[in-house]
Protein backbone atom coordinates (compact mmCIF):
# COMPACT_ATOMS: atom_id res chain seq x y z
CA UNK A 1 4.90 -94.42 143.45
CA UNK A 2 5.04 -91.05 145.40
CA UNK A 3 3.76 -87.94 144.12
CA UNK A 4 6.12 -84.93 143.84
CA UNK A 5 4.73 -81.71 145.32
CA UNK A 6 4.71 -78.72 142.61
CA UNK A 7 8.18 -77.39 141.85
CA UNK A 8 9.14 -73.80 143.12
CA UNK A 9 8.83 -71.20 140.20
CA UNK A 10 11.46 -68.57 139.78
CA UNK A 11 9.29 -66.79 137.51
CA UNK A 12 9.22 -63.36 137.12
CA UNK A 13 5.65 -61.37 136.62
CA UNK A 14 5.89 -59.32 133.67
CA UNK A 15 2.80 -57.56 132.36
CA UNK A 16 0.59 -58.77 129.28
CA UNK A 17 0.18 -55.87 126.59
CA UNK A 18 2.66 -53.67 126.92
CA UNK A 19 0.70 -51.37 128.57
CA UNK A 20 2.41 -51.31 131.91
CA UNK A 21 5.67 -52.77 132.38
CA UNK A 22 6.43 -54.60 135.98
CA UNK A 23 9.88 -53.91 137.29
CA UNK A 24 12.15 -57.22 136.46
CA UNK A 25 13.14 -59.70 139.98
CA UNK A 26 16.08 -61.95 140.23
CA UNK A 27 15.13 -65.34 140.66
CA UNK A 28 15.72 -67.08 143.84
CA UNK A 29 16.57 -70.46 144.52
CA UNK A 30 13.84 -71.57 146.66
CA UNK A 31 13.92 -74.70 148.57
CA UNK A 32 11.31 -77.49 147.62
CA UNK A 33 8.62 -77.59 150.43
CA UNK A 34 6.51 -80.77 151.40
CA UNK A 35 2.90 -80.15 150.16
CA UNK A 36 0.08 -80.73 152.35
CA UNK A 37 -1.42 -84.18 153.68
CA UNK A 38 -3.50 -85.82 150.65
CA UNK A 39 -5.89 -88.44 150.51
CA UNK A 40 -6.52 -88.84 147.38
CA UNK A 41 -8.80 -91.40 145.27
CA UNK A 42 -7.05 -94.69 144.23
CA UNK A 43 -8.79 -93.87 141.07
CA UNK A 44 -7.11 -90.80 140.34
CA UNK A 45 -3.63 -91.87 141.59
CA UNK A 46 -3.67 -94.51 138.72
CA UNK A 47 -4.40 -92.17 136.09
CA UNK A 48 -1.63 -89.59 137.54
CA UNK A 49 0.99 -92.56 137.93
CA UNK A 50 0.21 -92.44 134.22
CA UNK A 51 0.40 -89.25 133.52
CA UNK A 52 3.87 -88.39 136.16
CA UNK A 53 5.44 -91.70 134.11
CA UNK A 54 4.72 -90.01 130.82
CA UNK A 55 5.56 -86.72 131.93
CA UNK A 56 9.40 -87.78 132.86
CA UNK A 57 9.70 -89.63 129.30
CA UNK A 58 8.66 -86.11 127.76
CA UNK A 59 5.82 -87.59 126.59
CA UNK A 60 3.65 -84.75 127.39
CA UNK A 61 1.01 -85.52 124.94
CA UNK A 62 0.55 -89.10 126.80
CA UNK A 63 0.77 -87.33 130.07
CA UNK A 64 -1.90 -84.70 129.20
CA UNK A 65 -4.39 -87.15 128.10
CA UNK A 66 -3.81 -89.08 131.57
CA UNK A 67 -4.52 -86.14 133.08
CA UNK A 68 -7.48 -85.30 131.63
CA UNK A 69 -8.49 -88.65 132.58
CA UNK A 70 -8.14 -88.21 136.29
CA UNK A 71 -9.90 -85.10 136.05
CA UNK A 72 -13.21 -87.22 135.46
CA UNK A 73 -12.45 -89.16 138.13
CA UNK A 74 -11.72 -86.32 140.74
CA UNK A 75 -14.11 -86.18 143.88
CA UNK A 76 -12.55 -84.06 146.47
CA UNK A 77 -10.31 -81.26 146.74
CA UNK A 78 -7.61 -83.24 147.62
CA UNK A 79 -7.12 -85.19 143.86
CA UNK A 80 -8.24 -81.69 142.55
CA UNK A 81 -5.25 -80.35 144.33
CA UNK A 82 -2.64 -83.03 143.21
CA UNK A 83 -4.31 -83.37 139.74
CA UNK A 84 -3.10 -79.78 139.63
CA UNK A 85 0.28 -80.31 141.17
CA UNK A 86 1.51 -82.72 138.32
CA UNK A 87 -0.55 -80.46 135.58
CA UNK A 88 1.82 -77.75 136.88
CA UNK A 89 5.42 -79.76 136.84
CA UNK A 90 4.07 -80.99 133.24
CA UNK A 91 3.65 -77.38 132.24
CA UNK A 92 6.63 -76.51 133.02
CA UNK A 93 8.46 -79.06 131.44
CA UNK A 94 5.78 -78.95 128.45
CA UNK A 95 6.82 -75.18 128.17
CA UNK A 96 2.60 -74.79 127.89
CA UNK A 97 1.17 -71.59 129.40
CA UNK A 98 -2.44 -72.93 129.17
CA UNK A 99 -1.99 -75.77 131.17
CA UNK A 100 -0.05 -73.83 133.67
CA UNK A 101 -2.93 -71.89 134.11
CA UNK A 102 -5.63 -75.01 134.21
CA UNK A 103 -2.89 -76.00 136.81
CA UNK A 104 -3.15 -73.25 138.92
CA UNK A 105 -6.24 -72.43 138.84
CA UNK A 106 -6.88 -76.07 140.20
CA UNK A 107 -4.69 -75.94 143.13
CA UNK A 108 -5.99 -72.64 144.31
CA UNK A 109 -9.52 -73.36 143.96
CA UNK A 110 -8.97 -76.50 146.16
CA UNK A 111 -8.06 -74.42 148.98
CA UNK A 112 -5.02 -76.69 149.51
CA UNK A 113 -1.99 -74.36 148.04
CA UNK A 114 0.49 -74.30 151.00
CA UNK A 115 0.61 -70.53 152.48
CA UNK A 116 4.11 -69.85 151.20
CA UNK A 117 3.35 -70.86 147.51
CA UNK A 118 -0.19 -69.12 147.59
CA UNK A 119 0.69 -65.75 146.62
CA UNK A 120 3.35 -66.69 144.06
CA UNK A 121 0.73 -68.74 142.77
CA UNK A 122 -2.01 -66.04 142.76
CA UNK A 123 0.28 -63.67 141.09
CA UNK A 124 1.20 -65.79 138.41
CA UNK A 125 -2.71 -66.50 137.94
CA UNK A 126 -3.25 -63.10 137.83
CA UNK A 127 -0.87 -62.40 135.06
CA UNK A 128 -2.22 -65.54 133.33
CA UNK A 129 -5.88 -63.89 133.83
CA UNK A 130 -4.64 -60.53 132.46
CA UNK A 131 -3.44 -62.00 129.55
CA UNK A 132 -6.43 -63.77 128.75
CA UNK A 133 -7.78 -60.39 129.33
CA UNK A 134 -10.05 -61.83 131.74
CA UNK A 135 -9.87 -58.60 134.07
CA UNK A 136 -12.00 -59.85 136.94
CA UNK A 137 -10.31 -62.84 137.57
CA UNK A 138 -7.11 -61.08 137.30
CA UNK A 139 -8.44 -58.52 140.12
CA UNK A 140 -9.28 -61.69 142.08
CA UNK A 141 -5.92 -63.54 141.94
CA UNK A 142 -3.96 -60.14 142.19
CA UNK A 143 -5.65 -59.33 145.54
CA UNK A 144 -5.36 -62.85 147.17
CA UNK A 145 -1.53 -62.59 146.13
CA UNK A 146 -1.52 -59.39 147.74
CA UNK A 147 -3.53 -60.88 151.21
CA UNK A 148 -1.04 -63.33 150.79
CA UNK A 149 2.25 -60.97 151.47
CA UNK A 150 3.63 -61.75 147.61
CA UNK A 151 5.69 -58.83 146.04
CA UNK A 152 2.87 -55.72 146.06
CA UNK A 153 5.78 -54.01 143.20
CA UNK A 154 4.50 -57.04 141.34
CA UNK A 155 1.21 -57.95 141.60
CA UNK A 156 -0.31 -54.53 142.07
CA UNK A 157 0.87 -53.41 138.26
CA UNK A 158 -1.36 -56.06 137.23
CA UNK A 159 -4.10 -55.05 138.88
CA UNK A 160 -3.97 -51.74 137.75
CA UNK A 161 -3.79 -52.63 134.02
CA UNK A 162 -7.18 -55.03 134.68
CA UNK A 163 -8.79 -51.98 136.22
CA UNK A 164 -8.05 -50.21 133.14
CA UNK A 165 -8.83 -52.92 131.07
CA UNK A 166 -12.28 -53.29 132.13
CA UNK A 167 -12.78 -49.12 132.38
CA UNK A 168 -12.04 -49.28 128.29
CA UNK A 169 -11.50 -46.23 126.72
CA UNK A 170 -15.48 -45.23 125.89
CA UNK A 171 -16.68 -42.29 128.38
CA UNK A 172 -13.92 -42.19 130.95
CA UNK A 173 -15.17 -39.62 132.51
CA UNK A 174 -18.68 -41.21 133.39
CA UNK A 175 -19.45 -43.97 135.92
CA UNK A 176 -18.66 -46.77 136.25
CA UNK A 177 -15.33 -46.27 133.80
CA UNK A 178 -14.36 -42.97 136.01
CA UNK A 179 -14.12 -45.05 139.35
CA UNK A 180 -12.60 -48.31 137.66
CA UNK A 181 -9.87 -45.99 136.22
CA UNK A 182 -9.65 -44.14 140.29
CA UNK A 183 -9.17 -47.91 141.02
CA UNK A 184 -6.82 -48.42 138.68
CA UNK A 185 -4.53 -45.63 139.95
CA UNK A 186 -4.77 -46.41 143.25
CA UNK A 187 -2.86 -49.98 142.54
CA UNK A 188 -0.51 -48.51 140.50
CA UNK A 189 0.31 -45.94 143.22
CA UNK A 190 0.54 -49.13 145.50
CA UNK A 191 2.98 -50.38 143.48
CA UNK A 192 5.43 -47.30 143.21
CA UNK A 193 5.15 -46.71 146.71
CA UNK A 194 6.04 -50.21 147.48
CA UNK A 195 9.08 -49.54 144.62
CA UNK A 196 10.03 -46.85 146.47
CA UNK A 197 9.77 -47.70 150.12
CA UNK A 198 12.46 -50.77 148.52
CA UNK A 199 14.97 -48.27 147.70
CA UNK A 200 13.98 -48.80 143.80
CA UNK A 201 12.95 -46.24 141.41
CA UNK A 202 9.51 -47.19 139.60
CA UNK A 203 10.03 -46.46 136.18
CA UNK A 204 8.90 -43.31 134.98
CA UNK A 205 6.09 -44.99 132.50
CA UNK A 206 3.69 -45.80 135.36
CA UNK A 207 3.75 -42.05 136.23
CA UNK A 208 3.21 -40.87 132.18
CA UNK A 209 -0.24 -43.92 132.26
CA UNK A 210 -1.15 -41.78 135.44
CA UNK A 211 -1.57 -38.53 133.88
CA UNK A 212 -3.00 -40.14 131.09
CA UNK A 213 -5.39 -42.12 132.90
CA UNK A 214 -6.39 -39.53 135.64
CA UNK A 215 -6.70 -36.66 132.60
CA UNK A 216 -9.05 -38.68 130.19
CA UNK A 217 -11.03 -39.96 133.03
CA UNK A 218 -10.75 -35.92 134.32
CA UNK A 219 -9.70 -36.98 137.86
CA UNK A 220 -8.53 -34.19 140.07
CA UNK A 221 -4.87 -36.31 141.15
CA UNK A 222 -4.07 -35.48 137.45
CA UNK A 223 -1.97 -32.56 138.30
CA UNK A 224 -0.46 -35.21 141.29
CA UNK A 225 0.50 -37.48 138.77
CA UNK A 226 2.24 -35.35 136.41
CA UNK A 227 4.38 -33.50 139.54
CA UNK A 228 5.31 -37.39 140.11
CA UNK A 229 5.88 -37.63 136.34
CA UNK A 230 8.34 -34.90 136.29
CA UNK A 231 10.10 -35.56 139.19
CA UNK A 232 10.84 -39.33 137.76
CA UNK A 233 11.80 -38.37 134.37
CA UNK A 234 12.31 -34.14 134.03
CA UNK A 235 11.76 -34.00 130.38
CA UNK A 236 10.38 -30.87 128.91
CA UNK A 237 7.57 -32.97 127.79
CA UNK A 238 6.72 -33.74 131.10
CA UNK A 239 7.36 -30.30 133.05
CA UNK A 240 5.01 -29.31 129.85
CA UNK A 241 2.08 -31.83 130.93
CA UNK A 242 2.05 -29.92 134.38
CA UNK A 243 2.24 -26.28 133.13
CA UNK A 244 -0.47 -27.53 130.46
CA UNK A 245 -2.53 -28.47 133.54
CA UNK A 246 -2.02 -25.20 135.81
CA UNK A 247 -3.20 -22.85 132.41
CA UNK A 248 -6.20 -25.30 132.15
CA UNK A 249 -6.66 -24.92 136.07
CA UNK A 250 -6.26 -21.38 135.95
CA UNK A 251 -7.81 -20.18 132.81
CA UNK A 252 -8.20 -16.48 134.28
CA UNK A 253 -4.34 -15.78 134.58
CA UNK A 254 -3.31 -12.57 132.93
CA UNK A 255 -1.52 -12.49 129.81
CA UNK A 256 1.53 -11.01 132.10
CA UNK A 257 1.16 -14.49 134.48
CA UNK A 258 0.56 -16.16 131.09
CA UNK A 259 4.23 -14.96 129.24
CA UNK A 260 6.22 -15.97 132.21
CA UNK A 261 4.90 -19.67 132.17
CA UNK A 262 5.73 -19.72 128.25
CA UNK A 263 9.16 -18.36 129.17
CA UNK A 264 9.28 -21.55 131.22
CA UNK A 265 8.10 -23.95 128.70
CA UNK A 266 10.80 -22.12 126.38
CA UNK A 267 13.51 -22.70 128.89
CA UNK A 268 12.98 -26.35 129.49
CA UNK A 269 12.25 -27.40 125.91
CA UNK A 270 8.39 -27.67 126.26
CA UNK A 271 7.52 -25.74 123.53
CA UNK A 272 6.93 -28.56 120.63
CA UNK A 273 4.08 -27.65 118.15
CA UNK A 274 3.84 -24.60 115.96
CA UNK A 275 0.82 -23.31 118.26
CA UNK A 276 3.14 -23.40 121.30
CA UNK A 277 5.93 -21.06 119.67
CA UNK A 278 3.11 -19.00 118.50
CA UNK A 279 1.18 -18.53 121.13
CA UNK A 280 4.51 -17.18 123.01
CA UNK A 281 4.96 -14.99 120.27
CA UNK A 282 1.38 -13.72 120.49
CA UNK A 283 1.46 -13.31 124.35
CA UNK A 284 4.87 -11.16 124.26
CA UNK A 285 3.55 -9.28 121.26
CA UNK A 286 0.32 -8.23 123.30
CA UNK A 287 2.87 -7.06 126.30
CA UNK A 288 5.10 -5.15 123.92
CA UNK A 289 8.50 -7.33 124.76
CA UNK A 290 9.23 -7.44 120.46
CA UNK A 291 12.63 -9.05 121.31
CA UNK A 292 10.86 -11.90 122.42
CA UNK A 293 8.08 -12.29 119.85
CA UNK A 294 11.45 -12.55 117.32
CA UNK A 295 13.16 -15.49 119.28
CA UNK A 296 10.00 -17.48 119.84
CA UNK A 297 9.24 -17.62 115.99
CA UNK A 298 12.67 -18.10 115.24
CA UNK A 299 13.18 -20.74 117.19
CA UNK A 300 9.70 -22.35 115.94
CA UNK A 301 11.18 -22.27 112.89
CA UNK A 302 14.33 -23.32 113.42
CA UNK A 303 13.08 -26.66 114.85
CA UNK A 304 10.78 -26.82 111.75
CA UNK A 305 7.95 -26.60 114.02
CA UNK A 306 7.05 -23.42 112.85
CA UNK A 307 6.70 -22.46 108.52
CA UNK A 308 6.88 -19.33 106.87
CA UNK A 309 3.70 -18.27 107.43
CA UNK A 310 2.81 -19.31 111.01
CA UNK A 311 2.79 -15.69 113.08
CA UNK A 312 4.34 -13.94 110.55
CA UNK A 313 2.06 -11.01 110.73
CA UNK A 314 2.62 -10.50 114.49
CA UNK A 315 6.86 -11.28 113.88
CA UNK A 316 6.97 -8.93 111.39
CA UNK A 317 5.45 -6.47 113.38
CA UNK A 318 7.54 -6.91 116.24
CA UNK A 319 10.78 -7.05 113.81
CA UNK A 320 9.75 -3.36 112.51
CA UNK A 321 10.11 -1.93 115.88
CA UNK A 322 13.16 -3.48 117.85
CA UNK A 323 15.52 -1.71 116.42
CA UNK A 324 13.33 1.82 117.80
CA UNK A 325 12.82 -0.03 121.04
CA UNK A 326 16.32 -1.06 121.42
CA UNK A 327 17.38 2.87 121.04
CA UNK A 328 14.91 4.25 123.77
CA UNK A 329 16.80 1.97 126.66
CA UNK A 330 19.33 4.14 127.76
CA UNK A 331 17.16 6.81 128.35
CA UNK A 332 14.46 4.28 130.00
CA UNK A 333 17.38 3.25 132.74
CA UNK A 334 18.49 7.23 133.40
CA UNK A 335 14.49 7.69 133.69
CA UNK A 336 14.04 4.60 136.06
CA UNK A 337 16.60 5.42 138.04
CA UNK A 338 15.24 9.20 138.82
CA UNK A 339 11.63 8.26 138.95
CA UNK A 340 9.67 8.24 142.27
CA UNK A 341 8.91 4.77 141.80
CA UNK A 342 9.93 1.45 140.35
CA UNK A 343 7.68 1.26 137.52
CA UNK A 344 9.78 2.23 134.50
CA UNK A 345 12.47 0.22 136.13
CA UNK A 346 10.17 -2.81 135.87
CA UNK A 347 9.36 -2.00 132.43
CA UNK A 348 12.89 -1.76 131.20
CA UNK A 349 13.89 -4.73 132.87
CA UNK A 350 11.22 -6.65 131.20
CA UNK A 351 12.50 -5.32 127.65
CA UNK A 352 15.76 -6.59 128.74
CA UNK A 353 15.11 -9.82 129.14
CA UNK A 354 12.84 -10.02 126.09
CA UNK A 355 16.05 -8.85 124.18
CA UNK A 356 18.15 -11.89 126.41
CA UNK A 357 20.24 -9.32 128.25
CA UNK A 358 19.29 -11.04 131.50
CA UNK A 359 22.24 -8.75 133.44
CA UNK A 360 20.62 -5.71 132.74
CA UNK A 361 17.32 -7.01 133.28
CA UNK A 362 18.29 -8.45 136.56
CA UNK A 363 19.90 -5.09 137.73
CA UNK A 364 16.33 -3.20 137.04
CA UNK A 365 14.28 -5.40 138.57
CA UNK A 366 16.47 -5.16 141.36
CA UNK A 367 16.17 -1.18 141.17
CA UNK A 368 12.57 -1.77 140.62
CA UNK A 369 12.01 -3.57 143.87
CA UNK A 370 14.23 -0.84 145.73
CA UNK A 371 11.71 1.79 144.95
CA UNK A 372 8.67 0.22 144.93
CA UNK A 373 5.12 0.52 143.66
CA UNK A 374 5.20 -2.43 141.68
CA UNK A 375 3.95 -5.98 141.82
CA UNK A 376 6.64 -7.91 144.28
CA UNK A 377 5.52 -11.21 143.41
CA UNK A 378 5.86 -10.17 139.08
CA UNK A 379 9.12 -8.32 139.97
CA UNK A 380 10.39 -11.16 141.89
CA UNK A 381 9.61 -13.92 139.30
CA UNK A 382 10.97 -11.96 136.35
CA UNK A 383 14.44 -11.61 138.41
CA UNK A 384 13.94 -15.48 138.71
CA UNK A 385 13.59 -15.73 135.40
CA UNK A 386 16.64 -13.21 134.42
CA UNK A 387 18.71 -15.08 136.97
CA UNK A 388 17.43 -18.83 135.96
CA UNK A 389 18.62 -17.65 132.22
CA UNK A 390 21.66 -16.15 133.39
CA UNK A 391 23.00 -18.86 134.78
CA UNK A 392 22.69 -18.06 138.79
CA UNK A 393 20.85 -20.60 139.74
CA UNK A 394 20.94 -19.78 143.39
CA UNK A 395 20.07 -16.83 143.03
CA UNK A 396 17.21 -17.96 140.69
CA UNK A 397 15.98 -19.98 143.53
CA UNK A 398 15.72 -17.61 146.16
CA UNK A 399 13.48 -14.87 144.16
CA UNK A 400 10.90 -17.47 143.49
CA UNK A 401 11.14 -18.61 146.79
CA UNK A 402 9.76 -14.93 148.02
CA UNK A 403 6.67 -14.94 145.56
CA UNK A 404 4.08 -14.66 148.17
CA UNK A 405 0.76 -15.98 146.65
CA UNK A 406 -1.95 -16.40 144.07
CA UNK A 407 -0.95 -17.95 140.53
CA UNK A 408 2.60 -16.13 140.99
CA UNK A 409 3.09 -18.52 143.69
CA UNK A 410 2.85 -21.43 141.39
CA UNK A 411 4.31 -20.10 138.64
CA UNK A 412 7.23 -19.83 140.85
CA UNK A 413 6.99 -23.28 141.98
CA UNK A 414 7.15 -24.33 138.57
CA UNK A 415 10.29 -22.56 138.14
CA UNK A 416 11.48 -24.06 141.07
CA UNK A 417 10.45 -27.81 140.34
CA UNK A 418 12.34 -27.11 136.80
CA UNK A 419 15.38 -25.19 138.92
CA UNK A 420 15.47 -28.93 140.57
CA UNK A 421 16.57 -30.51 137.57
CA UNK A 422 19.34 -28.39 137.45
CA UNK A 423 20.83 -29.12 140.68
CA UNK A 424 19.50 -25.78 142.07
């Protein structure tokens, strides 16, 4: 009786546990290739003949019993490989995942798996080990699949998830958990890079997982993951993450700089919870930009994020000053034009920006820059904001690109990243 070689498996690797979703790959029909030449023990052959005949008759219980008997008689790697091959085919017919895992392990451990099947078999075995939360085995099999040249975009997510599983959630910022998270992130990045090299877009979820893991483990690469997450899915939520990381990394930025960061959160839809809107309003209040205090709280209330009592004192104080403040703007414009420097023009522009009069704000910022004596980077940043909110995106981008250095340069770059999602 002739033994068959294991059938070609058209199985797309899928992640177990839902933490990382691997891309689906179209099943490709493969030609059956001859297996290795084996010298199988006569007693094993007898048991395998029984197993194969039972499997062909759909008697999978009988096939499994005969395979178990064959295992007791195996004395060589040839025996083990051939038993594994029959187990594998039986497992596919019986739809038995546990038997399939056993078969693959037996074949791979025999050292006789054909090179053209070693990558796929190791990849599937890695996935199954991950499903069983055998993280070390999943990593070992995944790395063997990569070494055999099997789809890095499919195998690396399994390896990443196994490292994350080993790291767990306790004390992620200390060793060895920190290193395990780093290794998991390296595997996840390799998967994303492989997909991009193949002309495919990695799932945005991968980058979000990268941000989460890097942040909890306090890894410096968290910002790079956040940038990639925003590029993959330019949502207000992902930009909010980038902005909050910037604030954490720059705790000493001024209120004036922070206001321009919060303005970006507002423009991109990144103001989410009450604290976001109240922070925005309170920062504007400290700088005397009363129109923006009102608009920030109004937006939070309209969204249902801010209650009537939250930020109410700041809100009422600003509302009481708005009428009088607006009445001075005409005279301030005139004074700005006569002034020896641009300080009055810049302050007037700030007020107009807070009231949503973006055309006048841009005009005053331009005057401030012409007259000089002001923080050029701040004026350029705010010119860019006025142009962005006014809809002139090319001019906004040019203004942000003129910002030269320091925290202001980083703020301008965040705005430029936002403009890129709008086609600018």
